[in-house]
């Protein structure tokens, strides 16, 4: 492990020394938005699959929305995993 370039006690701003994220809120948000983004991904993907060549929004736009929602789903799932792991280790 390589040493840090700055001392551990050095802080750049006015943040508290013991700042922690609210794990309960992050858990609630992840549990809420994971299925929501998953449903939106499926909805945009199905909509893109059944859209015609001249429809508005275009198939490409709907595909981009489906990919963005899939990325947000993945982000929410990873955050949920991190929060659950942290809550288990802190107890």
PDB file of N, CA and C in Angstrom:
ATOM      1  N   UNK A   1       0.841  -1.167   0.000  1.00  0.00           N
ATOM      2  CA  UNK A   1       0.000   0.000   0.000  1.00  0.00           C
ATOM      3  C   UNK A   1       0.890   1.235   0.000  1.00  0.00           C
ATOM      4  N   UNK A   2       0.615   2.163  -0.865  1.00  0.00           N
ATOM      5  CA  UNK A   2       1.476   3.339  -0.922  1.00  0.00           C
ATOM      6  C   UNK A   2       0.968   4.416   0.041  1.00  0.00           C
ATOM      7  N   UNK A   3       1.854   5.206   0.569  1.00  0.00           N
ATOM      8  CA  UNK A   3       1.452   6.226   1.547  1.00  0.00           C
ATOM      9  C   UNK A   3       0.667   7.354   0.879  1.00  0.00           C
ATOM     10  N   UNK A   4      -0.192   7.967   1.657  1.00  0.00           N
ATOM     11  CA  UNK A   4      -0.985   9.089   1.163  1.00  0.00           C
ATOM     12  C   UNK A   4      -0.094  10.303   0.946  1.00  0.00           C
ATOM     13  N   UNK A   5      -0.466  11.141  -0.009  1.00  0.00           N
ATOM     14  CA  UNK A   5       0.330  12.323  -0.304  1.00  0.00           C
ATOM     15  C   UNK A   5       0.067  13.459   0.682  1.00  0.00           C
ATOM     16  N   UNK A   6      -1.063  13.422   1.346  1.00  0.00           N
ATOM     17  CA  UNK A   6      -1.382  14.449   2.338  1.00  0.00           C
ATOM     18  C   UNK A   6      -1.590  13.769   3.688  1.00  0.00           C
ATOM     19  N   UNK A   7      -1.337  14.474   4.766  1.00  0.00           N
ATOM     20  CA  UNK A   7      -1.554  13.874   6.090  1.00  0.00           C
ATOM     21  C   UNK A   7      -3.033  13.568   6.312  1.00  0.00           C
ATOM     22  N   UNK A   8      -3.310  12.587   7.138  1.00  0.00           N
ATOM     23  CA  UNK A   8      -4.694  12.197   7.405  1.00  0.00           C
ATOM     24  C   UNK A   8      -5.494  13.307   8.085  1.00  0.00           C
ATOM     25  N   UNK A   9      -4.867  14.134   8.855  1.00  0.00           N
ATOM     26  CA  UNK A   9      -5.586  15.165   9.593  1.00  0.00           C
ATOM     27  C   UNK A   9      -5.865  16.402   8.750  1.00  0.00           C
ATOM     28  N   UNK A  10      -5.257  16.504   7.569  1.00  0.00           N
ATOM     29  CA  UNK A  10      -5.458  17.678   6.727  1.00  0.00           C
ATOM     30  C   UNK A  10      -6.824  17.611   6.058  1.00  0.00           C
ATOM     31  N   UNK A  11      -7.585  18.701   6.172  1.00  0.00           N
ATOM     32  CA  UNK A  11      -8.902  18.784   5.540  1.00  0.00           C
ATOM     33  C   UNK A  11      -8.940  20.060   4.713  1.00  0.00           C
ATOM     34  N   UNK A  12      -9.585  19.981   3.561  1.00  0.00           N
ATOM     35  CA  UNK A  12      -9.570  21.116   2.642  1.00  0.00           C
ATOM     36  C   UNK A  12     -10.724  22.088   2.867  1.00  0.00           C
ATOM     37  N   UNK A  13     -11.763  21.658   3.533  1.00  0.00           N
ATOM     38  CA  UNK A  13     -12.931  22.516   3.674  1.00  0.00           C
ATOM     39  C   UNK A  13     -13.405  22.617   5.098  1.00  0.00           C
ATOM     40  N   UNK A  14     -14.675  22.936   5.250  1.00  0.00           N
ATOM     41  CA  UNK A  14     -15.242  23.102   6.583  1.00  0.00           C
ATOM     42  C   UNK A  14     -16.089  21.907   6.979  1.00  0.00           C
ATOM     43  N   UNK A  15     -15.881  20.768   6.306  1.00  0.00           N
ATOM     44  CA  UNK A  15     -16.679  19.590   6.622  1.00  0.00           C
ATOM     45  C   UNK A  15     -16.316  19.071   8.009  1.00  0.00           C
ATOM     46  N   UNK A  16     -17.266  18.435   8.681  1.00  0.00           N
ATOM     47  CA  UNK A  16     -16.959  17.887   9.999  1.00  0.00           C
ATOM     48  C   UNK A  16     -15.969  16.730   9.889  1.00  0.00           C
ATOM     49  N   UNK A  17     -15.225  16.525  10.929  1.00  0.00           N
ATOM     50  CA  UNK A  17     -14.204  15.478  10.920  1.00  0.00           C
ATOM     51  C   UNK A  17     -14.823  14.085  10.875  1.00  0.00           C
ATOM     52  N   UNK A  18     -16.044  13.943  11.375  1.00  0.00           N
ATOM     53  CA  UNK A  18     -16.693  12.629  11.416  1.00  0.00           C
ATOM     54  C   UNK A  18     -17.907  12.573  10.495  1.00  0.00           C
ATOM     55  N   UNK A  19     -17.838  13.206   9.334  1.00  0.00           N
ATOM     56  CA  UNK A  19     -18.972  13.234   8.416  1.00  0.00           C
ATOM     57  C   UNK A  19     -19.270  11.835   7.893  1.00  0.00           C
ATOM     58  N   UNK A  20     -20.522  11.442   7.929  1.00  0.00           N
ATOM     59  CA  UNK A  20     -20.966  10.138   7.445  1.00  0.00           C
ATOM     60  C   UNK A  20     -22.223  10.342   6.616  1.00  0.00           C
ATOM     61  N   UNK A  21     -22.423   9.485   5.634  1.00  0.00           N
ATOM     62  CA  UNK A  21     -23.647   9.570   4.850  1.00  0.00           C
ATOM     63  C   UNK A  21     -24.784   8.900   5.621  1.00  0.00           C
ATOM     64  N   UNK A  22     -25.989   9.334   5.346  1.00  0.00           N
ATOM     65  CA  UNK A  22     -27.163   8.784   6.000  1.00  0.00           C
ATOM     66  C   UNK A  22     -27.519   7.469   5.315  1.00  0.00           C
ATOM     67  N   UNK A  23     -27.133   6.357   5.940  1.00  0.00           N
ATOM     68  CA  UNK A  23     -27.331   5.058   5.314  1.00  0.00           C
ATOM     69  C   UNK A  23     -28.797   4.682   5.206  1.00  0.00           C
ATOM     70  N   UNK A  24     -29.610   5.115   6.163  1.00  0.00           N
ATOM     71  CA  UNK A  24     -31.041   4.821   6.101  1.00  0.00           C
ATOM     72  C   UNK A  24     -31.689   5.484   4.901  1.00  0.00           C
ATOM     73  N   UNK A  25     -31.335   6.733   4.644  1.00  0.00           N
ATOM     74  CA  UNK A  25     -31.880   7.450   3.499  1.00  0.00           C
ATOM     75  C   UNK A  25     -31.388   6.849   2.190  1.00  0.00           C
ATOM     76  N   UNK A  26     -30.105   6.528   2.115  1.00  0.00           N
ATOM     77  CA  UNK A  26     -29.577   5.900   0.907  1.00  0.00           C
ATOM     78  C   UNK A  26     -30.235   4.557   0.652  1.00  0.00           C
ATOM     79  N   UNK A  27     -30.488   3.788   1.722  1.00  0.00           N
ATOM     80  CA  UNK A  27     -31.172   2.505   1.577  1.00  0.00           C
ATOM     81  C   UNK A  27     -32.589   2.707   1.051  1.00  0.00           C
ATOM     82  N   UNK A  28     -33.308   3.654   1.623  1.00  0.00           N
ATOM     83  CA  UNK A  28     -34.676   3.931   1.186  1.00  0.00           C
ATOM     84  C   UNK A  28     -34.713   4.376  -0.275  1.00  0.00           C
ATOM     85  N   UNK A  29     -33.809   5.260  -0.656  1.00  0.00           N
ATOM     86  CA  UNK A  29     -33.772   5.727  -2.039  1.00  0.00           C
ATOM     87  C   UNK A  29     -33.407   4.601  -3.002  1.00  0.00           C
ATOM     88  N   UNK A  30     -32.466   3.764  -2.634  1.00  0.00           N
ATOM     89  CA  UNK A  30     -32.084   2.653  -3.507  1.00  0.00           C
ATOM     90  C   UNK A  30     -33.204   1.642  -3.653  1.00  0.00           C
ATOM     91  N   UNK A  31     -33.879   1.334  -2.551  1.00  0.00           N
ATOM     92  CA  UNK A  31     -34.983   0.378  -2.610  1.00  0.00           C
ATOM     93  C   UNK A  31     -36.144   0.942  -3.431  1.00  0.00           C
ATOM     94  N   UNK A  32     -36.341   2.247  -3.368  1.00  0.00           N
ATOM     95  CA  UNK A  32     -37.422   2.871  -4.122  1.00  0.00           C
ATOM     96  C   UNK A  32     -37.102   2.954  -5.605  1.00  0.00           C
ATOM     97  N   UNK A  33     -35.900   3.378  -5.941  1.00  0.00           N
ATOM     98  CA  UNK A  33     -35.599   3.668  -7.334  1.00  0.00           C
ATOM     99  C   UNK A  33     -35.082   2.483  -8.128  1.00  0.00           C
ATOM    100  N   UNK A  34     -34.617   1.414  -7.505  1.00  0.00           N
ATOM    101  CA  UNK A  34     -34.172   0.250  -8.266  1.00  0.00           C
ATOM    102  C   UNK A  34     -35.308  -0.354  -9.084  1.00  0.00           C
ATOM    103  N   UNK A  35     -36.453  -0.682  -8.487  1.00  0.00           N
ATOM    104  CA  UNK A  35     -37.531  -1.228  -9.324  1.00  0.00           C
ATOM    105  C   UNK A  35     -38.122  -0.190 -10.282  1.00  0.00           C
ATOM    106  N   UNK A  36     -38.135   1.071  -9.878  1.00  0.00           N
ATOM    107  CA  UNK A  36     -38.672   2.110 -10.756  1.00  0.00           C
ATOM    108  C   UNK A  36     -37.825   2.225 -12.030  1.00  0.00           C
ATOM    109  N   UNK A  37     -36.515   2.299 -11.871  1.00  0.00           N
ATOM    110  CA  UNK A  37     -35.641   2.392 -13.045  1.00  0.00           C
ATOM    111  C   UNK A  37     -35.678   1.105 -13.860  1.00  0.00           C
ATOM    112  N   UNK A  38     -35.817  -0.050 -13.210  1.00  0.00           N
ATOM    113  CA  UNK A  38     -35.917  -1.311 -13.949  1.00  0.00           C
ATOM    114  C   UNK A  38     -37.192  -1.338 -14.796  1.00  0.00           C
ATOM    115  N   UNK A  39     -38.303  -0.883 -14.227  1.00  0.00           N
ATOM    116  CA  UNK A  39     -39.551  -0.817 -14.992  1.00  0.00           C
ATOM    117  C   UNK A  39     -39.459   0.185 -16.139  1.00  0.00           C
ATOM    118  N   UNK A  40     -38.814   1.314 -15.889  1.00  0.00           N
ATOM    119  CA  UNK A  40     -38.639   2.293 -16.958  1.00  0.00           C
ATOM    120  C   UNK A  40     -37.749   1.742 -18.072  1.00  0.00           C
ATOM    121  N   UNK A  41     -36.720   0.982 -17.715  1.00  0.00           N
ATOM    122  CA  UNK A  41     -35.864   0.355 -18.718  1.00  0.00           C
ATOM    123  C   UNK A  41     -36.679  -0.591 -19.589  1.00  0.00           C
ATOM    124  N   UNK A  42     -37.464  -1.442 -18.952  1.00  0.00           N
ATOM    125  CA  UNK A  42     -38.293  -2.387 -19.703  1.00  0.00           C
ATOM    126  C   UNK A  42     -39.325  -1.653 -20.560  1.00  0.00           C
ATOM    127  N   UNK A  43     -39.932  -0.617 -20.011  1.00  0.00           N
ATOM    128  CA  UNK A  43     -40.933   0.134 -20.765  1.00  0.00           C
ATOM    129  C   UNK A  43     -40.355   0.804 -21.997  1.00  0.00           C
ATOM    130  N   UNK A  44     -39.216   1.474 -21.843  1.00  0.00           N
ATOM    131  CA  UNK A  44     -38.588   2.117 -23.004  1.00  0.00           C
ATOM    132  C   UNK A  44     -38.109   1.086 -24.018  1.00  0.00           C
ATOM    133  N   UNK A  45     -37.614  -0.056 -23.548  1.00  0.00           N
ATOM    134  CA  UNK A  45     -37.148  -1.093 -24.474  1.00  0.00           C
ATOM    135  C   UNK A  45     -38.306  -1.677 -25.274  1.00  0.00           C
ATOM    136  N   UNK A  46     -39.414  -1.937 -24.615  1.00  0.00           N
ATOM    137  CA  UNK A  46     -40.590  -2.470 -25.320  1.00  0.00           C
ATOM    138  C   UNK A  46     -41.148  -1.430 -26.276  1.00  0.00           C
ATOM    139  N   UNK A  47     -41.208  -0.192 -25.847  1.00  0.00           N
ATOM    140  CA  UNK A  47     -41.696   0.894 -26.697  1.00  0.00           C
ATOM    141  C   UNK A  47     -40.813   1.038 -27.940  1.00  0.00           C
ATOM    142  N   UNK A  48     -39.492   0.940 -27.734  1.00  0.00           N
ATOM    143  CA  UNK A  48     -38.564   1.036 -28.868  1.00  0.00           C
ATOM    144  C   UNK A  48     -38.732  -0.152 -29.808  1.00  0.00           C
ATOM    145  N   UNK A  49     -39.004  -1.328 -29.270  1.00  0.00           N
ATOM    146  CA  UNK A  49     -39.168  -2.519 -30.102  1.00  0.00           C
ATOM    147  C   UNK A  49     -40.418  -2.436 -30.963  1.00  0.00           C
ATOM    148  N   UNK A  50     -41.471  -1.825 -30.463  1.00  0.00           N
ATOM    149  CA  UNK A  50     -42.724  -1.755 -31.197  1.00  0.00           C
ATOM    150  C   UNK A  50     -42.930  -0.446 -31.954  1.00  0.00           C
ATOM    151  N   UNK A  51     -41.958   0.450 -31.937  1.00  0.00           N
ATOM    152  CA  UNK A  51     -42.119   1.724 -32.640  1.00  0.00           C
ATOM    153  C   UNK A  51     -41.831   1.543 -34.126  1.00  0.00           C
ATOM    154  N   UNK A  52     -42.522   2.335 -34.934  1.00  0.00           N
ATOM    155  CA  UNK A  52     -42.349   2.290 -36.389  1.00  0.00           C
ATOM    156  C   UNK A  52     -41.197   3.188 -36.803  1.00  0.00           C
ATOM    157  N   UNK A  53     -40.866   3.138 -38.070  1.00  0.00           N
ATOM    158  CA  UNK A  53     -39.742   3.927 -38.585  1.00  0.00           C
ATOM    159  C   UNK A  53     -40.025   5.428 -38.518  1.00  0.00           C
ATOM    160  N   UNK A  54     -41.256   5.842 -38.722  1.00  0.00           N
ATOM    161  CA  UNK A  54     -41.574   7.265 -38.729  1.00  0.00           C
ATOM    162  C   UNK A  54     -42.190   7.781 -37.451  1.00  0.00           C
ATOM    163  N   UNK A  55     -42.142   7.022 -36.385  1.00  0.00           N
ATOM    164  CA  UNK A  55     -42.794   7.441 -35.142  1.00  0.00           C
ATOM    165  C   UNK A  55     -41.950   8.463 -34.397  1.00  0.00           C
ATOM    166  N   UNK A  56     -42.649   9.222 -33.566  1.00  0.00           N
ATOM    167  CA  UNK A  56     -41.984  10.215 -32.723  1.00  0.00           C
ATOM    168  C   UNK A  56     -42.315   9.862 -31.288  1.00  0.00           C
ATOM    169  N   UNK A  57     -41.382   9.694 -30.384  1.00  0.00           N
ATOM    170  CA  UNK A  57     -39.935   9.766 -30.532  1.00  0.00           C
ATOM    171  C   UNK A  57     -39.390   8.588 -31.338  1.00  0.00           C
ATOM    172  N   UNK A  58     -38.221   8.768 -31.880  1.00  0.00           N
ATOM    173  CA  UNK A  58     -37.642   7.750 -32.746  1.00  0.00           C
ATOM    174  C   UNK A  58     -37.166   6.550 -31.943  1.00  0.00           C
ATOM    175  N   UNK A  59     -36.912   5.474 -32.651  1.00  0.00           N
ATOM    176  CA  UNK A  59     -36.435   4.254 -32.011  1.00  0.00           C
ATOM    177  C   UNK A  59     -35.079   4.487 -31.332  1.00  0.00           C
ATOM    178  N   UNK A  60     -34.233   5.284 -31.945  1.00  0.00           N
ATOM    179  CA  UNK A  60     -32.919   5.583 -31.362  1.00  0.00           C
ATOM    180  C   UNK A  60     -33.037   6.342 -30.050  1.00  0.00           C
ATOM    181  N   UNK A  61     -33.946   7.300 -30.013  1.00  0.00           N
ATOM    182  CA  UNK A  61     -34.156   8.074 -28.786  1.00  0.00           C
ATOM    183  C   UNK A  61     -34.667   7.176 -27.658  1.00  0.00           C
ATOM    184  N   UNK A  62     -35.598   6.306 -27.977  1.00  0.00           N
ATOM    185  CA  UNK A  62     -36.134   5.402 -26.964  1.00  0.00           C
ATOM    186  C   UNK A  62     -35.064   4.415 -26.488  1.00  0.00           C
ATOM    187  N   UNK A  63     -34.198   4.006 -27.402  1.00  0.00           N
ATOM    188  CA  UNK A  63     -33.109   3.115 -27.015  1.00  0.00           C
ATOM    189  C   UNK A  63     -32.132   3.819 -26.079  1.00  0.00           C
ATOM    190  N   UNK A  64     -31.845   5.079 -26.354  1.00  0.00           N
ATOM    191  CA  UNK A  64     -30.964   5.855 -25.463  1.00  0.00           C
ATOM    192  C   UNK A  64     -31.587   5.986 -24.080  1.00  0.00           C
ATOM    193  N   UNK A  65     -32.888   6.259 -24.030  1.00  0.00           N
ATOM    194  CA  UNK A  65     -33.567   6.344 -22.731  1.00  0.00           C
ATOM    195  C   UNK A  65     -33.511   5.002 -21.993  1.00  0.00           C
ATOM    196  N   UNK A  66     -33.683   3.903 -22.719  1.00  0.00           N
ATOM    197  CA  UNK A  66     -33.621   2.576 -22.090  1.00  0.00           C
ATOM    198  C   UNK A  66     -32.225   2.306 -21.540  1.00  0.00           C
ATOM    199  N   UNK A  67     -31.195   2.690 -22.282  1.00  0.00           N
ATOM    200  CA  UNK A  67     -29.818   2.472 -21.811  1.00  0.00           C
ATOM    201  C   UNK A  67     -29.526   3.347 -20.595  1.00  0.00           C
ATOM    202  N   UNK A  68     -29.981   4.593 -20.616  1.00  0.00           N
ATOM    203  CA  UNK A  68     -29.770   5.470 -19.457  1.00  0.00           C
ATOM    204  C   UNK A  68     -30.481   4.937 -18.216  1.00  0.00           C
ATOM    205  N   UNK A  69     -31.702   4.465 -18.390  1.00  0.00           N
ATOM    206  CA  UNK A  69     -32.426   3.897 -17.251  1.00  0.00           C
ATOM    207  C   UNK A  69     -31.756   2.610 -16.757  1.00  0.00           C
ATOM    208  N   UNK A  70     -31.198   1.823 -17.676  1.00  0.00           N
ATOM    209  CA  UNK A  70     -30.465   0.620 -17.263  1.00  0.00           C
ATOM    210  C   UNK A  70     -29.223   0.998 -16.457  1.00  0.00           C
ATOM    211  N   UNK A  71     -28.534   2.052 -16.871  1.00  0.00           N
ATOM    212  CA  UNK A  71     -27.358   2.510 -16.125  1.00  0.00           C
ATOM    213  C   UNK A  71     -27.760   2.996 -14.730  1.00  0.00           C
ATOM    214  N   UNK A  72     -28.876   3.708 -14.635  1.00  0.00           N
ATOM    215  CA  UNK A  72     -29.358   4.167 -13.325  1.00  0.00           C
ATOM    216  C   UNK A  72     -29.794   2.990 -12.459  1.00  0.00           C
ATOM    217  N   UNK A  73     -30.376   1.970 -13.070  1.00  0.00           N
ATOM    218  CA  UNK A  73     -30.740   0.766 -12.327  1.00  0.00           C
ATOM    219  C   UNK A  73     -29.495   0.102 -11.755  1.00  0.00           C
ATOM    220  N   UNK A  74     -28.478  -0.017 -12.580  1.00  0.00           N
ATOM    221  CA  UNK A  74     -27.220  -0.617 -12.130  1.00  0.00           C
ATOM    222  C   UNK A  74     -26.600   0.204 -10.996  1.00  0.00           C
ATOM    223  N   UNK A  75     -26.616   1.516 -11.134  1.00  0.00           N
ATOM    224  CA  UNK A  75     -26.082   2.389 -10.090  1.00  0.00           C
ATOM    225  C   UNK A  75     -26.853   2.203  -8.783  1.00  0.00           C
ATOM    226  N   UNK A  76     -28.181   2.128  -8.855  1.00  0.00           N
ATOM    227  CA  UNK A  76     -28.992   1.958  -7.642  1.00  0.00           C
ATOM    228  C   UNK A  76     -28.745   0.600  -6.999  1.00  0.00           C
ATOM    229  N   UNK A  77     -28.562  -0.440  -7.816  1.00  0.00           N
ATOM    230  CA  UNK A  77     -28.299  -1.776  -7.268  1.00  0.00           C
ATOM    231  C   UNK A  77     -26.938  -1.816  -6.579  1.00  0.00           C
ATOM    232  N   UNK A  78     -25.932  -1.212  -7.193  1.00  0.00           N
ATOM    233  CA  UNK A  78     -24.599  -1.177  -6.581  1.00  0.00           C
ATOM    234  C   UNK A  78     -24.635  -0.381  -5.279  1.00  0.00           C
ATOM    235  N   UNK A  79     -25.340   0.751  -5.280  1.00  0.00           N
ATOM    236  CA  UNK A  79     -25.450   1.542  -4.057  1.00  0.00           C
ATOM    237  C   UNK A  79     -26.190   0.766  -2.972  1.00  0.00           C
ATOM    238  N   UNK A  80     -27.221   0.036  -3.345  1.00  0.00           N
ATOM    239  CA  UNK A  80     -27.946  -0.786  -2.382  1.00  0.00           C
ATOM    240  C   UNK A  80     -27.028  -1.843  -1.790  1.00  0.00           C
ATOM    241  N   UNK A  81     -26.199  -2.472  -2.608  1.00  0.00           N
ATOM    242  CA  UNK A  81     -25.243  -3.466  -2.120  1.00  0.00           C
ATOM    243  C   UNK A  81     -24.256  -2.827  -1.138  1.00  0.00           C
ATOM    244  N   UNK A  82     -23.741  -1.664  -1.481  1.00  0.00           N
ATOM    245  CA  UNK A  82     -22.766  -0.979  -0.614  1.00  0.00           C
ATOM    246  C   UNK A  82     -23.406  -0.604   0.715  1.00  0.00           C
ATOM    247  N   UNK A  83     -24.622  -0.084   0.674  1.00  0.00           N
ATOM    248  CA  UNK A  83     -25.301   0.327   1.903  1.00  0.00           C
ATOM    249  C   UNK A  83     -25.581  -0.875   2.792  1.00  0.00           C
ATOM    250  N   UNK A  84     -26.060  -1.964   2.219  1.00  0.00           N
ATOM    251  CA  UNK A  84     -26.352  -3.157   3.022  1.00  0.00           C
ATOM    252  C   UNK A  84     -25.071  -3.710   3.632  1.00  0.00           C
ATOM    253  N   UNK A  85     -23.984  -3.730   2.864  1.00  0.00           N
ATOM    254  CA  UNK A  85     -22.707  -4.217   3.383  1.00  0.00           C
ATOM    255  C   UNK A  85     -22.198  -3.326   4.519  1.00  0.00           C
ATOM    256  N   UNK A  86     -22.328  -2.012   4.362  1.00  0.00           N
ATOM    257  CA  UNK A  86     -21.882  -1.096   5.427  1.00  0.00           C
ATOM    258  C   UNK A  86     -22.719  -1.221   6.680  1.00  0.00           C
ATOM    259  N   UNK A  87     -24.034  -1.372   6.495  1.00  0.00           N
ATOM    260  CA  UNK A  87     -24.894  -1.502   7.663  1.00  0.00           C
ATOM    261  C   UNK A  87     -24.605  -2.778   8.431  1.00  0.00           C
ATOM    262  N   UNK A  88     -24.260  -3.846   7.733  1.00  0.00           N
ATOM    263  CA  UNK A  88     -23.917  -5.091   8.412  1.00  0.00           C
ATOM    264  C   UNK A  88     -22.621  -4.979   9.189  1.00  0.00           C
ATOM    265  N   UNK A  89     -21.647  -4.270   8.645  1.00  0.00           N
ATOM    266  CA  UNK A  89     -20.356  -4.174   9.319  1.00  0.00           C
ATOM    267  C   UNK A  89     -20.380  -3.179  10.471  1.00  0.00           C
ATOM    268  N   UNK A  90     -21.295  -2.230  10.448  1.00  0.00           N
ATOM    269  CA  UNK A  90     -21.349  -1.220  11.513  1.00  0.00           C
ATOM    270  C   UNK A  90     -22.106  -1.699  12.732  1.00  0.00           C
ATOM    271  N   UNK A  91     -22.902  -2.747  12.603  1.00  0.00           N
ATOM    272  CA  UNK A  91     -23.674  -3.209  13.757  1.00  0.00           C
ATOM    273  C   UNK A  91     -22.860  -3.955  14.739  1.00  0.00           C
TER     274      UNK A  91
END
